[in-house]
Amino acid sequence: MLAVMSNGKTGAPCGACRELMVQLMPTTYKDIEIMLDYEQDKVVALGELTPEWWIG
């Protein structure tokens, strides 16, 4: 997943986008890869950005 900010840089998706991805893929959302920084090639899993308490 790639979120492009208003300044043209990549970053984390907003909370509403994260929630939609969780709802669309409830059993595998933790495996969705998000590119936080294209220039640094930094990728994290949605599971790292979305705490368990928030889902339950």
N, C-alpha and C. Protein backbone atom coordinates (compact mmCIF):
# COMPACT_ATOMS: atom_id res chain seq x y z
N MET A 1 0.85 -1.14 0.00
CA MET A 1 0.00 0.00 0.00
C MET A 1 0.90 1.21 0.00
N LEU A 2 0.52 2.19 -0.77
CA LEU A 2 1.32 3.41 -0.87
C LEU A 2 0.40 4.60 -0.67
N ALA A 3 0.66 5.39 0.35
CA ALA A 3 -0.11 6.62 0.60
C ALA A 3 0.79 7.80 0.27
N VAL A 4 0.30 8.66 -0.60
CA VAL A 4 1.08 9.83 -1.01
C VAL A 4 0.48 11.06 -0.32
N MET A 5 1.33 11.77 0.42
CA MET A 5 0.90 12.95 1.15
C MET A 5 0.81 14.17 0.22
N SER A 6 0.26 15.25 0.73
CA SER A 6 0.09 16.46 -0.08
C SER A 6 1.41 17.07 -0.54
N ASN A 7 2.50 16.75 0.16
CA ASN A 7 3.81 17.27 -0.23
C ASN A 7 4.53 16.35 -1.23
N GLY A 8 3.84 15.28 -1.65
CA GLY A 8 4.42 14.35 -2.61
C GLY A 8 5.22 13.22 -2.00
N LYS A 9 5.44 13.26 -0.71
CA LYS A 9 6.18 12.19 0.00
C LYS A 9 5.22 11.07 0.38
N THR A 10 5.76 9.91 0.65
CA THR A 10 4.94 8.79 1.12
C THR A 10 4.85 8.82 2.63
N GLY A 11 3.81 8.19 3.17
CA GLY A 11 3.63 8.15 4.61
C GLY A 11 2.60 7.11 4.99
N ALA A 12 2.24 7.09 6.25
CA ALA A 12 1.27 6.13 6.76
C ALA A 12 -0.14 6.54 6.35
N PRO A 13 -1.00 5.56 6.04
CA PRO A 13 -2.38 5.88 5.72
C PRO A 13 -3.12 6.40 6.95
N CYS A 14 -4.17 7.16 6.73
CA CYS A 14 -4.94 7.72 7.84
C CYS A 14 -5.69 6.61 8.57
N GLY A 15 -6.26 6.92 9.69
CA GLY A 15 -7.00 5.94 10.49
C GLY A 15 -8.18 5.35 9.76
N ALA A 16 -8.91 6.16 8.99
CA ALA A 16 -10.06 5.66 8.23
C ALA A 16 -9.62 4.65 7.18
N CYS A 17 -8.50 4.91 6.53
CA CYS A 17 -7.98 3.98 5.53
C CYS A 17 -7.52 2.69 6.18
N ARG A 18 -6.89 2.80 7.33
CA ARG A 18 -6.45 1.60 8.06
C ARG A 18 -7.66 0.77 8.45
N GLU A 19 -8.70 1.43 8.95
CA GLU A 19 -9.91 0.73 9.36
C GLU A 19 -10.55 0.00 8.17
N LEU A 20 -10.60 0.64 7.01
CA LEU A 20 -11.16 0.01 5.82
C LEU A 20 -10.37 -1.24 5.44
N MET A 21 -9.05 -1.16 5.48
CA MET A 21 -8.23 -2.32 5.14
C MET A 21 -8.48 -3.47 6.11
N VAL A 22 -8.65 -3.14 7.40
CA VAL A 22 -8.94 -4.17 8.41
C VAL A 22 -10.29 -4.81 8.12
N GLN A 23 -11.28 -4.00 7.76
CA GLN A 23 -12.61 -4.53 7.48
C GLN A 23 -12.63 -5.38 6.22
N LEU A 24 -11.85 -5.00 5.22
CA LEU A 24 -11.82 -5.76 3.97
C LEU A 24 -11.05 -7.07 4.10
N MET A 25 -10.06 -7.09 4.99
CA MET A 25 -9.20 -8.28 5.15
C MET A 25 -9.05 -8.59 6.64
N PRO A 26 -10.13 -8.96 7.33
CA PRO A 26 -10.08 -9.10 8.79
C PRO A 26 -9.11 -10.15 9.31
N THR A 27 -8.82 -11.17 8.54
CA THR A 27 -7.92 -12.22 9.05
C THR A 27 -6.48 -12.04 8.59
N THR A 28 -6.26 -11.20 7.58
CA THR A 28 -4.90 -11.05 7.04
C THR A 28 -4.43 -9.60 6.97
N TYR A 29 -5.16 -8.67 7.58
CA TYR A 29 -4.79 -7.26 7.49
C TYR A 29 -3.38 -6.99 8.03
N LYS A 30 -2.95 -7.79 9.00
CA LYS A 30 -1.63 -7.55 9.61
C LYS A 30 -0.49 -7.73 8.61
N ASP A 31 -0.76 -8.44 7.52
CA ASP A 31 0.28 -8.72 6.52
C ASP A 31 0.36 -7.68 5.40
N ILE A 32 -0.57 -6.74 5.37
CA ILE A 32 -0.54 -5.71 4.33
C ILE A 32 0.71 -4.86 4.51
N GLU A 33 1.49 -4.73 3.46
CA GLU A 33 2.73 -3.95 3.54
C GLU A 33 2.46 -2.50 3.15
N ILE A 34 2.99 -1.59 3.94
CA ILE A 34 2.82 -0.16 3.71
C ILE A 34 4.19 0.47 3.56
N MET A 35 4.37 1.18 2.48
CA MET A 35 5.65 1.86 2.26
C MET A 35 5.58 3.22 2.96
N LEU A 36 6.28 3.34 4.07
CA LEU A 36 6.29 4.59 4.82
C LEU A 36 7.18 5.64 4.18
N ASP A 37 8.28 5.20 3.62
CA ASP A 37 9.24 6.15 3.03
C ASP A 37 9.82 5.55 1.76
N TYR A 38 9.37 6.05 0.63
CA TYR A 38 9.82 5.53 -0.66
C TYR A 38 11.31 5.75 -0.86
N GLU A 39 11.78 6.95 -0.51
CA GLU A 39 13.20 7.29 -0.71
C GLU A 39 14.13 6.43 0.13
N GLN A 40 13.70 6.08 1.33
CA GLN A 40 14.50 5.24 2.24
C GLN A 40 14.17 3.75 2.10
N ASP A 41 13.19 3.44 1.24
CA ASP A 41 12.74 2.06 1.04
C ASP A 41 12.29 1.43 2.36
N LYS A 42 11.55 2.21 3.17
CA LYS A 42 11.08 1.73 4.48
C LYS A 42 9.65 1.21 4.36
N VAL A 43 9.49 -0.09 4.66
CA VAL A 43 8.20 -0.76 4.58
C VAL A 43 7.87 -1.36 5.93
N VAL A 44 6.61 -1.22 6.36
CA VAL A 44 6.14 -1.85 7.60
C VAL A 44 4.84 -2.58 7.30
N ALA A 45 4.48 -3.49 8.17
CA ALA A 45 3.21 -4.20 8.05
C ALA A 45 2.12 -3.40 8.76
N LEU A 46 0.90 -3.48 8.24
CA LEU A 46 -0.21 -2.77 8.87
C LEU A 46 -0.38 -3.21 10.32
N GLY A 47 -0.08 -4.47 10.61
CA GLY A 47 -0.16 -4.96 11.98
C GLY A 47 0.73 -4.20 12.94
N GLU A 48 1.84 -3.65 12.44
CA GLU A 48 2.74 -2.85 13.28
C GLU A 48 2.16 -1.47 13.57
N LEU A 49 1.32 -0.97 12.67
CA LEU A 49 0.74 0.36 12.83
C LEU A 49 -0.61 0.37 13.52
N THR A 50 -1.25 -0.80 13.59
CA THR A 50 -2.61 -0.89 14.12
C THR A 50 -2.62 -1.75 15.37
N PRO A 51 -2.80 -1.15 16.53
CA PRO A 51 -2.79 -1.91 17.79
C PRO A 51 -4.00 -2.83 17.92
N GLU A 52 -3.82 -3.95 18.60
CA GLU A 52 -4.89 -4.94 18.79
C GLU A 52 -6.11 -4.35 19.49
N TRP A 53 -5.90 -3.52 20.52
CA TRP A 53 -7.03 -2.97 21.28
C TRP A 53 -7.94 -2.14 20.40
N TRP A 54 -7.39 -1.56 19.37
CA TRP A 54 -8.18 -0.69 18.49
C TRP A 54 -9.16 -1.50 17.66
N ILE A 55 -8.77 -2.72 17.29
CA ILE A 55 -9.61 -3.57 16.45
C ILE A 55 -10.77 -4.17 17.25
N GLY A 56 -10.46 -4.65 18.45
CA GLY A 56 -11.45 -5.36 19.27
C GLY A 56 -12.49 -4.50 19.80
